[in-house]
Amino acid sequence: MTTCPVCGFHNGFDSNFCSQCATKLSSHATPVDPNASRPGYAPYATTPSAELPRSSNAVAVLVLGILSLVVCGALGPIAWYMGHGELQQINAGLVSRQDHGMVNAGYICGIIGSILLLIGIAFFIFFLALPFGM
């Protein structure tokens, strides 16, 4: 076993990177006794006080995205815009990733609804441009 010099995690002898903190292990890492005690280090543990707030507009983005596909295509750009803003906040770490799937689904539905709206407008304009006498 090889001990990580950063976190003290016990990795296998053939490990190039630490399984706990992803630190590159040197080729001359020191083997240790597998029965030795491990340090109580958990770098990714979160406490309840460190939890991020949930996304405030996740449900609205999803509902607007679905409605843009089913009822009113004009809601598509709104869902697209709101979803983009929420995804930026999630990716920046300002809100919890718990609602990422819901926001992403509403965002994609908003994009599709916007594209369908543009296609509908293009067809409407095309058919208005046709002469009625043909």
N, C-alpha and C. Protein backbone atom coordinates (compact mmCIF):
# COMPACT_ATOMS: atom_id res chain seq x y z
N MET A 1 0.84 -1.19 0.00
CA MET A 1 0.00 0.00 0.00
C MET A 1 0.88 1.24 0.00
N THR A 2 0.35 2.30 -0.60
CA THR A 2 1.05 3.56 -0.69
C THR A 2 0.22 4.63 0.00
N THR A 3 0.85 5.42 0.84
CA THR A 3 0.15 6.48 1.56
C THR A 3 0.27 7.79 0.81
N CYS A 4 -0.84 8.49 0.67
CA CYS A 4 -0.85 9.79 0.02
C CYS A 4 -0.17 10.80 0.95
N PRO A 5 0.76 11.61 0.43
CA PRO A 5 1.43 12.59 1.28
C PRO A 5 0.53 13.77 1.67
N VAL A 6 -0.60 13.96 0.98
CA VAL A 6 -1.47 15.08 1.28
C VAL A 6 -2.54 14.72 2.30
N CYS A 7 -3.29 13.64 2.01
CA CYS A 7 -4.42 13.31 2.89
C CYS A 7 -4.17 12.08 3.75
N GLY A 8 -3.13 11.31 3.47
CA GLY A 8 -2.82 10.14 4.27
C GLY A 8 -3.62 8.92 3.91
N PHE A 9 -4.36 8.94 2.79
CA PHE A 9 -5.17 7.81 2.38
C PHE A 9 -4.27 6.68 1.90
N HIS A 10 -4.65 5.44 2.22
CA HIS A 10 -3.87 4.27 1.82
C HIS A 10 -4.36 3.78 0.46
N ASN A 11 -3.50 3.89 -0.54
CA ASN A 11 -3.81 3.47 -1.90
C ASN A 11 -3.08 2.19 -2.21
N GLY A 12 -3.44 1.53 -3.31
CA GLY A 12 -2.74 0.33 -3.75
C GLY A 12 -1.34 0.67 -4.23
N PHE A 13 -0.48 -0.36 -4.33
CA PHE A 13 0.90 -0.14 -4.75
C PHE A 13 0.99 0.37 -6.18
N ASP A 14 0.05 -0.01 -7.02
CA ASP A 14 0.11 0.37 -8.43
C ASP A 14 -0.64 1.67 -8.73
N SER A 15 -1.10 2.38 -7.73
CA SER A 15 -1.86 3.62 -7.92
C SER A 15 -0.93 4.77 -8.32
N ASN A 16 -1.35 5.52 -9.36
CA ASN A 16 -0.61 6.70 -9.76
C ASN A 16 -1.17 7.96 -9.12
N PHE A 17 -2.46 7.91 -8.76
CA PHE A 17 -3.12 9.03 -8.13
C PHE A 17 -3.84 8.54 -6.87
N CYS A 18 -3.99 9.43 -5.90
CA CYS A 18 -4.68 9.09 -4.66
C CYS A 18 -6.17 8.92 -4.95
N SER A 19 -6.76 7.87 -4.43
CA SER A 19 -8.18 7.60 -4.63
C SER A 19 -9.06 8.56 -3.84
N GLN A 20 -8.52 9.22 -2.83
CA GLN A 20 -9.30 10.11 -1.99
C GLN A 20 -9.25 11.57 -2.47
N CYS A 21 -8.04 12.08 -2.77
CA CYS A 21 -7.92 13.50 -3.09
C CYS A 21 -7.33 13.75 -4.48
N ALA A 22 -7.03 12.71 -5.24
CA ALA A 22 -6.53 12.79 -6.62
C ALA A 22 -5.15 13.42 -6.74
N THR A 23 -4.38 13.40 -5.66
CA THR A 23 -3.00 13.90 -5.72
C THR A 23 -2.15 12.88 -6.46
N LYS A 24 -1.24 13.38 -7.32
CA LYS A 24 -0.34 12.48 -8.03
C LYS A 24 0.64 11.88 -7.03
N LEU A 25 0.68 10.56 -7.03
CA LEU A 25 1.60 9.87 -6.13
C LEU A 25 2.93 9.68 -6.83
N SER A 26 3.99 9.93 -6.13
CA SER A 26 5.31 9.79 -6.74
C SER A 26 5.63 8.32 -6.94
N SER A 27 6.54 8.06 -7.87
CA SER A 27 6.90 6.67 -8.17
C SER A 27 7.67 6.04 -7.02
N HIS A 28 8.24 6.86 -6.16
CA HIS A 28 9.00 6.32 -5.03
C HIS A 28 8.24 6.52 -3.71
N ALA A 29 6.90 6.36 -3.77
CA ALA A 29 6.08 6.49 -2.57
C ALA A 29 6.40 5.36 -1.61
N THR A 30 6.27 5.64 -0.35
CA THR A 30 6.65 4.67 0.66
C THR A 30 5.52 3.71 0.96
N PRO A 31 5.78 2.39 0.85
CA PRO A 31 4.75 1.42 1.24
C PRO A 31 4.55 1.45 2.75
N VAL A 32 3.34 1.19 3.18
CA VAL A 32 3.03 1.19 4.61
C VAL A 32 2.35 -0.11 4.99
N ASP A 33 2.26 -0.33 6.25
CA ASP A 33 1.61 -1.51 6.80
C ASP A 33 0.10 -1.39 6.59
N PRO A 34 -0.55 -2.39 5.97
CA PRO A 34 -1.99 -2.29 5.75
C PRO A 34 -2.81 -2.30 7.04
N ASN A 35 -2.23 -2.74 8.12
CA ASN A 35 -2.96 -2.79 9.39
C ASN A 35 -2.79 -1.50 10.20
N ALA A 36 -2.05 -0.55 9.68
CA ALA A 36 -1.84 0.70 10.40
C ALA A 36 -3.15 1.49 10.44
N SER A 37 -3.29 2.32 11.45
CA SER A 37 -4.52 3.11 11.58
C SER A 37 -4.53 4.23 10.54
N ARG A 38 -5.73 4.50 10.03
CA ARG A 38 -5.89 5.55 9.03
C ARG A 38 -6.31 6.84 9.70
N PRO A 39 -5.83 7.97 9.20
CA PRO A 39 -6.26 9.24 9.79
C PRO A 39 -7.72 9.51 9.44
N GLY A 40 -8.40 10.20 10.31
CA GLY A 40 -9.81 10.53 10.10
C GLY A 40 -9.98 11.78 9.26
N TYR A 41 -9.61 11.73 8.02
CA TYR A 41 -9.65 12.88 7.14
C TYR A 41 -10.69 12.66 6.05
N ALA A 42 -11.63 13.56 5.93
CA ALA A 42 -12.65 13.47 4.89
C ALA A 42 -12.76 14.84 4.21
N PRO A 43 -12.01 15.05 3.10
CA PRO A 43 -11.98 16.38 2.49
C PRO A 43 -13.29 16.82 1.86
N TYR A 44 -14.16 15.89 1.49
CA TYR A 44 -15.38 16.26 0.81
C TYR A 44 -16.60 16.19 1.71
N ALA A 45 -16.41 16.00 2.97
CA ALA A 45 -17.54 15.94 3.89
C ALA A 45 -18.14 17.33 4.07
N THR A 46 -19.46 17.40 4.07
CA THR A 46 -20.12 18.68 4.28
C THR A 46 -20.93 18.60 5.56
N THR A 47 -21.01 19.69 6.21
CA THR A 47 -21.82 19.78 7.41
C THR A 47 -23.14 20.45 7.04
N PRO A 48 -24.19 20.24 7.82
CA PRO A 48 -25.48 20.86 7.49
C PRO A 48 -25.40 22.38 7.41
N SER A 49 -24.48 23.00 8.16
CA SER A 49 -24.38 24.45 8.12
C SER A 49 -23.76 24.94 6.82
N ALA A 50 -23.05 24.05 6.10
CA ALA A 50 -22.40 24.45 4.86
C ALA A 50 -23.24 24.13 3.62
N GLU A 51 -24.47 23.67 3.81
CA GLU A 51 -25.30 23.33 2.67
C GLU A 51 -25.70 24.58 1.90
N LEU A 52 -25.73 24.44 0.58
CA LEU A 52 -26.12 25.55 -0.28
C LEU A 52 -27.63 25.61 -0.39
N PRO A 53 -28.17 26.79 -0.65
CA PRO A 53 -29.63 26.89 -0.84
C PRO A 53 -30.04 26.22 -2.14
N ARG A 54 -31.28 25.76 -2.18
CA ARG A 54 -31.79 25.13 -3.39
C ARG A 54 -32.17 26.19 -4.40
N SER A 55 -32.24 25.79 -5.65
CA SER A 55 -32.59 26.69 -6.74
C SER A 55 -34.01 27.20 -6.55
N SER A 56 -34.17 28.51 -6.64
CA SER A 56 -35.49 29.08 -6.39
C SER A 56 -36.42 29.00 -7.59
N ASN A 57 -35.87 28.90 -8.79
CA ASN A 57 -36.71 28.92 -9.99
C ASN A 57 -36.72 27.59 -10.74
N ALA A 58 -36.28 26.52 -10.13
CA ALA A 58 -36.19 25.24 -10.84
C ALA A 58 -37.55 24.75 -11.32
N VAL A 59 -38.54 24.81 -10.46
CA VAL A 59 -39.87 24.33 -10.84
C VAL A 59 -40.47 25.24 -11.91
N ALA A 60 -40.27 26.54 -11.78
CA ALA A 60 -40.81 27.48 -12.77
C ALA A 60 -40.19 27.24 -14.15
N VAL A 61 -38.88 26.99 -14.18
CA VAL A 61 -38.21 26.73 -15.46
C VAL A 61 -38.77 25.47 -16.10
N LEU A 62 -38.95 24.42 -15.30
CA LEU A 62 -39.48 23.17 -15.84
C LEU A 62 -40.91 23.34 -16.34
N VAL A 63 -41.75 24.00 -15.57
CA VAL A 63 -43.14 24.20 -15.97
C VAL A 63 -43.23 25.05 -17.23
N LEU A 64 -42.46 26.14 -17.29
CA LEU A 64 -42.47 26.99 -18.48
C LEU A 64 -41.96 26.24 -19.70
N GLY A 65 -40.93 25.42 -19.51
CA GLY A 65 -40.39 24.65 -20.62
C GLY A 65 -41.40 23.66 -21.17
N ILE A 66 -42.09 22.97 -20.29
CA ILE A 66 -43.11 22.00 -20.73
C ILE A 66 -44.28 22.72 -21.39
N LEU A 67 -44.72 23.81 -20.79
CA LEU A 67 -45.84 24.57 -21.38
C LEU A 67 -45.48 25.14 -22.74
N SER A 68 -44.19 25.46 -22.94
CA SER A 68 -43.78 25.98 -24.25
C SER A 68 -43.90 24.92 -25.33
N LEU A 69 -43.80 23.67 -24.97
CA LEU A 69 -43.96 22.58 -25.94
C LEU A 69 -45.42 22.22 -26.16
N VAL A 70 -46.22 22.30 -25.12
CA VAL A 70 -47.59 21.79 -25.18
C VAL A 70 -48.61 22.87 -25.51
N VAL A 71 -48.51 24.03 -24.88
CA VAL A 71 -49.58 25.02 -24.97
C VAL A 71 -49.18 26.25 -25.77
N CYS A 72 -48.13 26.93 -25.34
CA CYS A 72 -47.80 28.24 -25.90
C CYS A 72 -46.30 28.33 -26.14
N GLY A 73 -45.91 28.36 -27.40
CA GLY A 73 -44.49 28.42 -27.74
C GLY A 73 -43.81 29.69 -27.30
N ALA A 74 -44.58 30.75 -27.04
CA ALA A 74 -43.99 32.02 -26.60
C ALA A 74 -43.34 31.91 -25.22
N LEU A 75 -43.67 30.87 -24.48
CA LEU A 75 -43.04 30.67 -23.17
C LEU A 75 -41.65 30.04 -23.28
N GLY A 76 -41.31 29.54 -24.47
CA GLY A 76 -40.02 28.90 -24.68
C GLY A 76 -38.84 29.81 -24.42
N PRO A 77 -38.80 31.02 -25.00
CA PRO A 77 -37.66 31.90 -24.71
C PRO A 77 -37.54 32.28 -23.24
N ILE A 78 -38.67 32.39 -22.56
CA ILE A 78 -38.63 32.71 -21.12
C ILE A 78 -38.00 31.55 -20.35
N ALA A 79 -38.42 30.32 -20.65
CA ALA A 79 -37.84 29.15 -19.98
C ALA A 79 -36.36 29.02 -20.32
N TRP A 80 -36.01 29.30 -21.56
CA TRP A 80 -34.61 29.23 -22.00
C TRP A 80 -33.76 30.23 -21.22
N TYR A 81 -34.23 31.47 -21.12
CA TYR A 81 -33.51 32.52 -20.42
C TYR A 81 -33.37 32.22 -18.92
N MET A 82 -34.50 31.86 -18.30
CA MET A 82 -34.46 31.57 -16.86
C MET A 82 -33.60 30.33 -16.57
N GLY A 83 -33.72 29.30 -17.41
CA GLY A 83 -32.92 28.09 -17.23
C GLY A 83 -31.44 28.35 -17.36
N HIS A 84 -31.08 29.20 -18.31
CA HIS A 84 -29.66 29.54 -18.50
C HIS A 84 -29.11 30.23 -17.24
N GLY A 85 -29.88 31.16 -16.69
CA GLY A 85 -29.44 31.85 -15.48
C GLY A 85 -29.30 30.90 -14.29
N GLU A 86 -30.27 30.00 -14.14
CA GLU A 86 -30.21 29.04 -13.03
C GLU A 86 -29.03 28.08 -13.19
N LEU A 87 -28.79 27.61 -14.42
CA LEU A 87 -27.66 26.71 -14.65
C LEU A 87 -26.34 27.41 -14.37
N GLN A 88 -26.24 28.69 -14.68
CA GLN A 88 -25.03 29.43 -14.35
C GLN A 88 -24.82 29.50 -12.85
N GLN A 89 -25.89 29.72 -12.10
CA GLN A 89 -25.77 29.77 -10.64
C GLN A 89 -25.38 28.41 -10.07
N ILE A 90 -25.95 27.35 -10.62
CA ILE A 90 -25.63 26.01 -10.15
C ILE A 90 -24.17 25.68 -10.45
N ASN A 91 -23.72 25.98 -11.67
CA ASN A 91 -22.35 25.68 -12.04
C ASN A 91 -21.34 26.54 -11.31
N ALA A 92 -21.74 27.74 -10.89
CA ALA A 92 -20.85 28.60 -10.12
C ALA A 92 -20.79 28.20 -8.65
N GLY A 93 -21.67 27.28 -8.23
CA GLY A 93 -21.67 26.83 -6.84
C GLY A 93 -22.44 27.74 -5.91
N LEU A 94 -23.30 28.60 -6.46
CA LEU A 94 -24.08 29.51 -5.62
C LEU A 94 -25.32 28.85 -5.06
N VAL A 95 -25.84 27.85 -5.76
CA VAL A 95 -27.00 27.09 -5.28
C VAL A 95 -26.68 25.60 -5.37
N SER A 96 -27.47 24.80 -4.71
CA SER A 96 -27.27 23.36 -4.66
C SER A 96 -27.46 22.71 -6.02
N ARG A 97 -26.72 21.64 -6.28
CA ARG A 97 -26.84 20.89 -7.53
C ARG A 97 -28.04 19.94 -7.49
N GLN A 98 -28.79 19.96 -6.43
CA GLN A 98 -29.90 19.05 -6.25
C GLN A 98 -30.98 19.22 -7.33
N ASP A 99 -31.17 20.43 -7.82
CA ASP A 99 -32.20 20.70 -8.82
C ASP A 99 -31.63 20.82 -10.24
N HIS A 100 -30.40 20.38 -10.45
CA HIS A 100 -29.76 20.53 -11.76
C HIS A 100 -30.55 19.82 -12.86
N GLY A 101 -31.02 18.61 -12.60
CA GLY A 101 -31.76 17.86 -13.61
C GLY A 101 -33.06 18.53 -14.00
N MET A 102 -33.77 19.07 -13.01
CA MET A 102 -35.03 19.73 -13.28
C MET A 102 -34.81 21.01 -14.10
N VAL A 103 -33.80 21.78 -13.73
CA VAL A 103 -33.50 23.02 -14.45
C VAL A 103 -33.04 22.70 -15.86
N ASN A 104 -32.19 21.69 -16.00
CA ASN A 104 -31.68 21.31 -17.31
C ASN A 104 -32.81 20.84 -18.23
N ALA A 105 -33.75 20.08 -17.70
CA ALA A 105 -34.89 19.61 -18.50
C ALA A 105 -35.74 20.79 -18.96
N GLY A 106 -36.03 21.73 -18.08
CA GLY A 106 -36.81 22.91 -18.46
C GLY A 106 -36.07 23.78 -19.46
N TYR A 107 -34.75 23.89 -19.30
CA TYR A 107 -33.91 24.65 -20.21
C TYR A 107 -33.97 24.06 -21.62
N ILE A 108 -33.82 22.75 -21.72
CA ILE A 108 -33.86 22.07 -23.02
C ILE A 108 -35.24 22.18 -23.64
N CYS A 109 -36.29 21.99 -22.84
CA CYS A 109 -37.66 22.15 -23.36
C CYS A 109 -37.88 23.58 -23.85
N GLY A 110 -37.31 24.57 -23.15
CA GLY A 110 -37.43 25.96 -23.58
C GLY A 110 -36.73 26.20 -24.91
N ILE A 111 -35.57 25.57 -25.11
CA ILE A 111 -34.86 25.71 -26.39
C ILE A 111 -35.69 25.09 -27.51
N ILE A 112 -36.21 23.89 -27.27
CA ILE A 112 -37.02 23.22 -28.30
C ILE A 112 -38.29 24.02 -28.57
N GLY A 113 -38.95 24.51 -27.53
CA GLY A 113 -40.15 25.33 -27.71
C GLY A 113 -39.85 26.60 -28.50
N SER A 114 -38.69 27.22 -28.26
CA SER A 114 -38.31 28.42 -29.00
C SER A 114 -38.07 28.10 -30.47
N ILE A 115 -37.42 26.99 -30.75
CA ILE A 115 -37.18 26.59 -32.13
C ILE A 115 -38.50 26.31 -32.85
N LEU A 116 -39.40 25.61 -32.18
CA LEU A 116 -40.72 25.35 -32.78
C LEU A 116 -41.50 26.64 -33.01
N LEU A 117 -41.36 27.59 -32.10
CA LEU A 117 -42.02 28.89 -32.28
C LEU A 117 -41.48 29.59 -33.52
N LEU A 118 -40.16 29.58 -33.68
CA LEU A 118 -39.56 30.22 -34.86
C LEU A 118 -39.98 29.53 -36.16
N ILE A 119 -40.07 28.21 -36.13
CA ILE A 119 -40.52 27.48 -37.32
C ILE A 119 -41.97 27.84 -37.64
N GLY A 120 -42.81 27.94 -36.62
CA GLY A 120 -44.20 28.32 -36.82
C GLY A 120 -44.33 29.73 -37.38
N ILE A 121 -43.53 30.65 -36.88
CA ILE A 121 -43.56 32.02 -37.40
C ILE A 121 -43.10 32.05 -38.85
N ALA A 122 -42.06 31.28 -39.18
CA ALA A 122 -41.55 31.22 -40.55
C ALA A 122 -42.62 30.67 -41.50
N PHE A 123 -43.32 29.61 -41.10
CA PHE A 123 -44.40 29.08 -41.93
C PHE A 123 -45.53 30.08 -42.09
N PHE A 124 -45.86 30.78 -41.03
CA PHE A 124 -46.93 31.77 -41.08
C PHE A 124 -46.57 32.87 -42.07
N ILE A 125 -45.36 33.39 -41.99
CA ILE A 125 -44.91 34.43 -42.90
C ILE A 125 -44.86 33.91 -44.33
N PHE A 126 -44.38 32.67 -44.51
CA PHE A 126 -44.30 32.09 -45.85
C PHE A 126 -45.68 31.97 -46.48
N PHE A 127 -46.66 31.52 -45.73
CA PHE A 127 -48.00 31.36 -46.29
C PHE A 127 -48.72 32.69 -46.48
N LEU A 128 -48.35 33.73 -45.72
CA LEU A 128 -48.91 35.05 -45.98
C LEU A 128 -48.32 35.64 -47.25
N ALA A 129 -47.11 35.27 -47.59
CA ALA A 129 -46.46 35.81 -48.78
C ALA A 129 -46.97 35.16 -50.05
N LEU A 130 -47.58 34.00 -49.97
CA LEU A 130 -48.10 33.34 -51.17
C LEU A 130 -49.31 34.10 -51.70
N PRO A 131 -49.38 34.23 -53.00
CA PRO A 131 -50.58 34.89 -53.56
C PRO A 131 -51.79 33.97 -53.40
N PHE A 132 -52.94 34.55 -53.13
CA PHE A 132 -54.14 33.78 -52.89
C PHE A 132 -54.79 33.24 -54.17
N GLY A 133 -54.44 33.77 -55.30
CA GLY A 133 -55.09 33.38 -56.53
C GLY A 133 -54.52 32.12 -57.16
N MET A 134 -53.50 31.55 -56.68
CA MET A 134 -52.88 30.40 -57.35
C MET A 134 -53.63 29.20 -57.01
